[in-house]
N, C-alpha and C. Protein backbone atom coordinates (compact mmCIF):
# COMPACT_ATOMS: atom_id res chain seq x y z
N MET A 1 -40.11 25.77 -2.75
CA MET A 1 -40.40 25.38 -1.38
C MET A 1 -40.29 26.60 -0.48
N ALA A 2 -41.26 26.76 0.37
CA ALA A 2 -41.27 27.89 1.28
C ALA A 2 -40.25 27.68 2.39
N GLY A 3 -39.48 28.69 2.67
CA GLY A 3 -38.52 28.63 3.77
C GLY A 3 -37.22 27.92 3.46
N VAL A 4 -37.06 27.37 2.25
CA VAL A 4 -35.83 26.68 1.86
C VAL A 4 -35.02 27.63 0.99
N ARG A 5 -33.82 27.84 1.39
CA ARG A 5 -32.95 28.74 0.65
C ARG A 5 -31.97 27.93 -0.21
N THR A 6 -31.88 28.24 -1.46
CA THR A 6 -30.95 27.53 -2.35
C THR A 6 -29.85 28.47 -2.77
N PHE A 7 -28.69 27.91 -3.02
CA PHE A 7 -27.54 28.68 -3.45
C PHE A 7 -27.07 28.17 -4.79
N PRO A 8 -26.65 29.05 -5.63
CA PRO A 8 -26.07 28.59 -6.90
C PRO A 8 -24.82 27.75 -6.62
N MET A 9 -24.51 26.79 -7.47
CA MET A 9 -23.38 25.89 -7.30
C MET A 9 -22.07 26.66 -7.14
N GLU A 10 -21.92 27.74 -7.86
CA GLU A 10 -20.68 28.51 -7.78
C GLU A 10 -20.45 29.01 -6.35
N LYS A 11 -21.48 29.48 -5.71
CA LYS A 11 -21.34 29.99 -4.34
C LYS A 11 -20.99 28.85 -3.38
N GLU A 12 -21.61 27.67 -3.56
CA GLU A 12 -21.30 26.51 -2.72
C GLU A 12 -19.84 26.11 -2.87
N SER A 13 -19.35 26.16 -4.09
CA SER A 13 -17.96 25.80 -4.35
C SER A 13 -17.01 26.75 -3.63
N ARG A 14 -17.29 28.04 -3.69
CA ARG A 14 -16.44 29.02 -3.00
C ARG A 14 -16.50 28.82 -1.49
N MET A 15 -17.66 28.47 -0.96
CA MET A 15 -17.79 28.26 0.47
C MET A 15 -16.91 27.08 0.92
N ALA A 16 -16.93 26.01 0.16
CA ALA A 16 -16.12 24.84 0.50
C ALA A 16 -14.64 25.18 0.48
N GLU A 17 -14.21 25.97 -0.49
CA GLU A 17 -12.80 26.36 -0.57
C GLU A 17 -12.40 27.18 0.65
N ASN A 18 -13.26 28.06 1.08
CA ASN A 18 -12.96 28.93 2.22
C ASN A 18 -12.93 28.17 3.55
N LEU A 19 -13.60 27.04 3.62
CA LEU A 19 -13.63 26.27 4.85
C LEU A 19 -12.44 25.33 4.99
N GLY A 20 -11.62 25.22 3.96
CA GLY A 20 -10.40 24.41 4.05
C GLY A 20 -10.62 22.92 3.90
N PHE A 21 -11.65 22.51 3.19
CA PHE A 21 -11.88 21.09 2.97
C PHE A 21 -10.84 20.53 2.01
N VAL A 22 -10.51 19.27 2.20
CA VAL A 22 -9.60 18.59 1.29
C VAL A 22 -10.42 17.66 0.42
N ASP A 23 -10.22 17.75 -0.87
CA ASP A 23 -10.94 16.91 -1.82
C ASP A 23 -10.23 15.56 -1.92
N PRO A 24 -10.80 14.48 -1.36
CA PRO A 24 -10.12 13.18 -1.40
C PRO A 24 -10.03 12.58 -2.79
N SER A 25 -10.80 13.13 -3.73
CA SER A 25 -10.76 12.59 -5.08
C SER A 25 -9.73 13.30 -5.94
N ALA A 26 -8.97 14.20 -5.34
CA ALA A 26 -8.00 14.99 -6.10
C ALA A 26 -6.87 14.15 -6.68
N GLY A 27 -6.65 12.96 -6.14
CA GLY A 27 -5.62 12.09 -6.68
C GLY A 27 -4.26 12.34 -6.05
N GLY A 28 -3.31 11.55 -6.45
CA GLY A 28 -1.97 11.65 -5.89
C GLY A 28 -0.99 12.19 -6.90
N SER A 29 0.19 11.73 -6.80
CA SER A 29 1.26 12.17 -7.67
C SER A 29 0.98 11.76 -9.11
N LYS A 30 1.36 12.60 -10.02
CA LYS A 30 1.19 12.31 -11.44
C LYS A 30 2.42 11.59 -12.01
N LYS A 31 3.44 11.44 -11.16
CA LYS A 31 4.68 10.79 -11.60
C LYS A 31 4.43 9.29 -11.77
N ALA A 32 4.74 8.78 -12.93
CA ALA A 32 4.60 7.35 -13.21
C ALA A 32 5.82 6.61 -12.67
N VAL A 33 5.58 5.54 -11.95
CA VAL A 33 6.65 4.71 -11.43
C VAL A 33 6.55 3.35 -12.11
N PRO A 34 7.55 3.00 -12.92
CA PRO A 34 7.47 1.72 -13.62
C PRO A 34 7.63 0.56 -12.65
N PRO A 35 6.98 -0.56 -12.94
CA PRO A 35 7.15 -1.73 -12.08
C PRO A 35 8.60 -2.24 -12.12
N ALA A 36 9.02 -2.84 -11.03
CA ALA A 36 10.36 -3.42 -10.97
C ALA A 36 10.44 -4.62 -11.90
N PRO A 37 11.63 -4.93 -12.40
CA PRO A 37 11.78 -6.12 -13.24
C PRO A 37 11.38 -7.38 -12.46
N ARG A 38 10.73 -8.29 -13.13
CA ARG A 38 10.29 -9.54 -12.50
C ARG A 38 11.30 -10.65 -12.79
N PRO A 39 11.61 -11.48 -11.80
CA PRO A 39 12.49 -12.62 -12.09
C PRO A 39 11.71 -13.66 -12.90
N PRO A 40 12.40 -14.44 -13.72
CA PRO A 40 11.70 -15.45 -14.52
C PRO A 40 11.09 -16.56 -13.66
N ALA A 41 11.65 -16.79 -12.47
CA ALA A 41 11.13 -17.83 -11.58
C ALA A 41 11.42 -17.43 -10.13
N LEU A 42 10.68 -18.02 -9.18
CA LEU A 42 10.89 -17.73 -7.76
C LEU A 42 11.72 -18.78 -7.04
N SER A 43 12.00 -19.87 -7.71
CA SER A 43 12.76 -20.95 -7.09
C SER A 43 14.11 -20.46 -6.59
N GLY A 44 14.37 -20.71 -5.29
CA GLY A 44 15.63 -20.31 -4.69
C GLY A 44 15.71 -18.85 -4.28
N LYS A 45 14.66 -18.09 -4.54
CA LYS A 45 14.67 -16.65 -4.23
C LYS A 45 14.24 -16.40 -2.79
N VAL A 46 14.65 -15.24 -2.27
CA VAL A 46 14.20 -14.76 -0.97
C VAL A 46 13.10 -13.73 -1.25
N VAL A 47 11.93 -13.96 -0.69
CA VAL A 47 10.79 -13.07 -0.92
C VAL A 47 10.51 -12.27 0.34
N GLY A 48 10.37 -10.97 0.20
CA GLY A 48 10.02 -10.09 1.30
C GLY A 48 8.55 -9.74 1.25
N LEU A 49 7.89 -9.82 2.37
CA LEU A 49 6.47 -9.47 2.47
C LEU A 49 6.33 -8.31 3.45
N LEU A 50 5.72 -7.23 3.02
CA LEU A 50 5.55 -6.05 3.86
C LEU A 50 4.11 -5.97 4.34
N ASP A 51 3.93 -6.12 5.63
CA ASP A 51 2.63 -6.10 6.29
C ASP A 51 2.24 -4.65 6.56
N ASN A 52 1.05 -4.25 6.09
CA ASN A 52 0.63 -2.86 6.28
C ASN A 52 -0.09 -2.63 7.61
N THR A 53 -0.22 -3.64 8.43
CA THR A 53 -0.84 -3.62 9.77
C THR A 53 -2.36 -3.57 9.75
N LYS A 54 -2.98 -3.66 8.61
CA LYS A 54 -4.44 -3.69 8.60
C LYS A 54 -4.90 -5.08 9.03
N GLU A 55 -6.16 -5.14 9.39
CA GLU A 55 -6.75 -6.38 9.90
C GLU A 55 -6.53 -7.55 8.94
N GLN A 56 -6.06 -8.63 9.46
CA GLN A 56 -5.84 -9.89 8.75
C GLN A 56 -4.63 -9.89 7.81
N ALA A 57 -3.91 -8.77 7.72
CA ALA A 57 -2.73 -8.74 6.84
C ALA A 57 -1.72 -9.81 7.26
N ASP A 58 -1.54 -9.99 8.57
CA ASP A 58 -0.58 -10.99 9.04
C ASP A 58 -1.00 -12.40 8.64
N VAL A 59 -2.29 -12.69 8.70
CA VAL A 59 -2.81 -14.01 8.32
C VAL A 59 -2.63 -14.22 6.82
N ILE A 60 -2.95 -13.20 6.05
CA ILE A 60 -2.81 -13.28 4.59
C ILE A 60 -1.35 -13.52 4.22
N LEU A 61 -0.45 -12.79 4.86
CA LEU A 61 0.98 -12.94 4.53
C LEU A 61 1.54 -14.28 4.98
N GLN A 62 1.11 -14.78 6.12
CA GLN A 62 1.56 -16.09 6.57
C GLN A 62 1.15 -17.17 5.57
N THR A 63 -0.10 -17.08 5.13
CA THR A 63 -0.62 -18.03 4.14
C THR A 63 0.14 -17.90 2.82
N LEU A 64 0.35 -16.67 2.39
CA LEU A 64 1.09 -16.44 1.14
C LEU A 64 2.51 -16.98 1.23
N GLY A 65 3.18 -16.70 2.35
CA GLY A 65 4.54 -17.19 2.54
C GLY A 65 4.62 -18.71 2.49
N ASP A 66 3.67 -19.37 3.17
CA ASP A 66 3.63 -20.84 3.15
C ASP A 66 3.44 -21.36 1.73
N LEU A 67 2.53 -20.74 1.00
CA LEU A 67 2.26 -21.19 -0.38
C LEU A 67 3.45 -20.92 -1.31
N LEU A 68 4.12 -19.81 -1.12
CA LEU A 68 5.29 -19.52 -1.95
C LEU A 68 6.40 -20.55 -1.73
N ARG A 69 6.61 -20.96 -0.49
CA ARG A 69 7.62 -21.99 -0.20
C ARG A 69 7.18 -23.34 -0.78
N GLU A 70 5.91 -23.66 -0.59
CA GLU A 70 5.39 -24.97 -1.01
C GLU A 70 5.29 -25.11 -2.52
N ARG A 71 4.74 -24.13 -3.19
CA ARG A 71 4.45 -24.24 -4.62
C ARG A 71 5.55 -23.71 -5.54
N TYR A 72 6.33 -22.75 -5.06
CA TYR A 72 7.30 -22.09 -5.94
C TYR A 72 8.74 -22.25 -5.48
N ASP A 73 8.97 -23.08 -4.48
CA ASP A 73 10.32 -23.40 -4.02
C ASP A 73 11.12 -22.16 -3.61
N VAL A 74 10.42 -21.20 -3.00
CA VAL A 74 11.08 -20.01 -2.47
C VAL A 74 11.97 -20.45 -1.32
N SER A 75 13.21 -19.96 -1.29
CA SER A 75 14.15 -20.44 -0.26
C SER A 75 13.86 -19.83 1.11
N LYS A 76 13.38 -18.59 1.14
CA LYS A 76 13.15 -17.93 2.42
C LYS A 76 12.10 -16.84 2.24
N VAL A 77 11.29 -16.64 3.27
CA VAL A 77 10.31 -15.55 3.28
C VAL A 77 10.63 -14.64 4.46
N VAL A 78 10.79 -13.37 4.18
CA VAL A 78 11.09 -12.37 5.20
C VAL A 78 9.87 -11.47 5.34
N VAL A 79 9.32 -11.37 6.55
CA VAL A 79 8.15 -10.54 6.78
C VAL A 79 8.54 -9.35 7.65
N ARG A 80 8.15 -8.17 7.22
CA ARG A 80 8.35 -6.95 7.99
C ARG A 80 6.99 -6.29 8.16
N ARG A 81 6.81 -5.63 9.30
CA ARG A 81 5.52 -5.00 9.61
C ARG A 81 5.71 -3.50 9.79
N LYS A 82 4.93 -2.72 9.04
CA LYS A 82 4.98 -1.27 9.20
C LYS A 82 4.43 -0.88 10.57
N GLU A 83 4.77 0.32 11.01
CA GLU A 83 4.28 0.82 12.29
C GLU A 83 2.77 1.04 12.27
N HIS A 84 2.26 1.60 11.18
CA HIS A 84 0.84 1.91 11.06
C HIS A 84 0.49 1.98 9.58
N TYR A 85 -0.73 1.55 9.25
CA TYR A 85 -1.10 1.50 7.84
C TYR A 85 -1.13 2.86 7.17
N SER A 86 -1.33 3.93 7.93
CA SER A 86 -1.41 5.26 7.34
C SER A 86 -0.03 5.89 7.12
N LYS A 87 1.01 5.25 7.62
CA LYS A 87 2.36 5.79 7.47
C LYS A 87 3.15 4.95 6.48
N PRO A 88 4.04 5.59 5.74
CA PRO A 88 4.91 4.79 4.86
C PRO A 88 5.90 3.98 5.68
N ALA A 89 6.39 2.93 5.09
CA ALA A 89 7.44 2.14 5.76
C ALA A 89 8.67 3.02 5.91
N PRO A 90 9.36 2.92 7.04
CA PRO A 90 10.57 3.72 7.24
C PRO A 90 11.64 3.41 6.19
N ASP A 91 12.40 4.41 5.84
CA ASP A 91 13.46 4.23 4.84
C ASP A 91 14.41 3.11 5.22
N GLU A 92 14.71 2.99 6.53
CA GLU A 92 15.63 1.94 6.99
C GLU A 92 15.05 0.55 6.70
N MET A 93 13.74 0.39 6.90
CA MET A 93 13.10 -0.90 6.65
C MET A 93 13.17 -1.24 5.16
N ILE A 94 12.90 -0.26 4.33
CA ILE A 94 12.95 -0.48 2.88
C ILE A 94 14.38 -0.82 2.45
N ALA A 95 15.35 -0.10 2.97
CA ALA A 95 16.75 -0.36 2.62
C ALA A 95 17.18 -1.76 3.06
N GLU A 96 16.77 -2.13 4.27
CA GLU A 96 17.11 -3.46 4.79
C GLU A 96 16.49 -4.55 3.92
N MET A 97 15.23 -4.38 3.57
CA MET A 97 14.58 -5.38 2.71
C MET A 97 15.24 -5.44 1.34
N ALA A 98 15.61 -4.29 0.80
CA ALA A 98 16.24 -4.25 -0.52
C ALA A 98 17.55 -5.03 -0.53
N GLN A 99 18.27 -5.02 0.59
CA GLN A 99 19.53 -5.76 0.69
C GLN A 99 19.31 -7.26 0.91
N GLU A 100 18.19 -7.60 1.56
CA GLU A 100 17.97 -8.97 2.01
C GLU A 100 17.14 -9.83 1.06
N VAL A 101 16.27 -9.21 0.26
CA VAL A 101 15.33 -10.00 -0.54
C VAL A 101 15.56 -9.81 -2.04
N ASP A 102 15.08 -10.80 -2.79
CA ASP A 102 15.15 -10.72 -4.25
C ASP A 102 13.87 -10.12 -4.83
N VAL A 103 12.76 -10.38 -4.15
CA VAL A 103 11.44 -9.94 -4.59
C VAL A 103 10.69 -9.45 -3.36
N ALA A 104 9.98 -8.33 -3.50
CA ALA A 104 9.20 -7.82 -2.37
C ALA A 104 7.74 -7.65 -2.78
N ILE A 105 6.85 -7.94 -1.82
CA ILE A 105 5.41 -7.80 -2.04
C ILE A 105 4.86 -6.97 -0.90
N ALA A 106 4.18 -5.89 -1.22
CA ALA A 106 3.50 -5.08 -0.21
C ALA A 106 2.07 -5.61 -0.12
N ALA A 107 1.66 -6.03 1.06
CA ALA A 107 0.36 -6.66 1.21
C ALA A 107 -0.62 -5.76 1.94
N LEU A 108 -1.87 -5.94 1.61
CA LEU A 108 -2.95 -5.17 2.21
C LEU A 108 -3.88 -6.09 2.98
N GLY A 109 -4.24 -5.67 4.16
CA GLY A 109 -5.25 -6.38 4.92
C GLY A 109 -6.60 -5.71 4.70
N GLY A 110 -7.61 -6.20 5.39
CA GLY A 110 -8.96 -5.68 5.19
C GLY A 110 -9.35 -4.63 6.05
């Protein structure tokens, strides 16, 4: 093509590195975190629900909490809401939930 300049892939790759782009596909931590032990039943348990503040997360959690009480005889549902979906829950919130609940569920909204 006349007037179109092409660059070898190697040069494009170096250009991107020099511009300080972050590769979102690079992945996260390689450390494996095993799942927490599951109780054999939820009856009589206190369940914690962590709202990530995304759209409809509160509605989803309210519905889930109602169903857990109705169908699984959960004694209490504790809901906590993070400050913002892009931030982790504060250590104090996690510690408080760990003391108060038997099972915790981190929920995602849309």
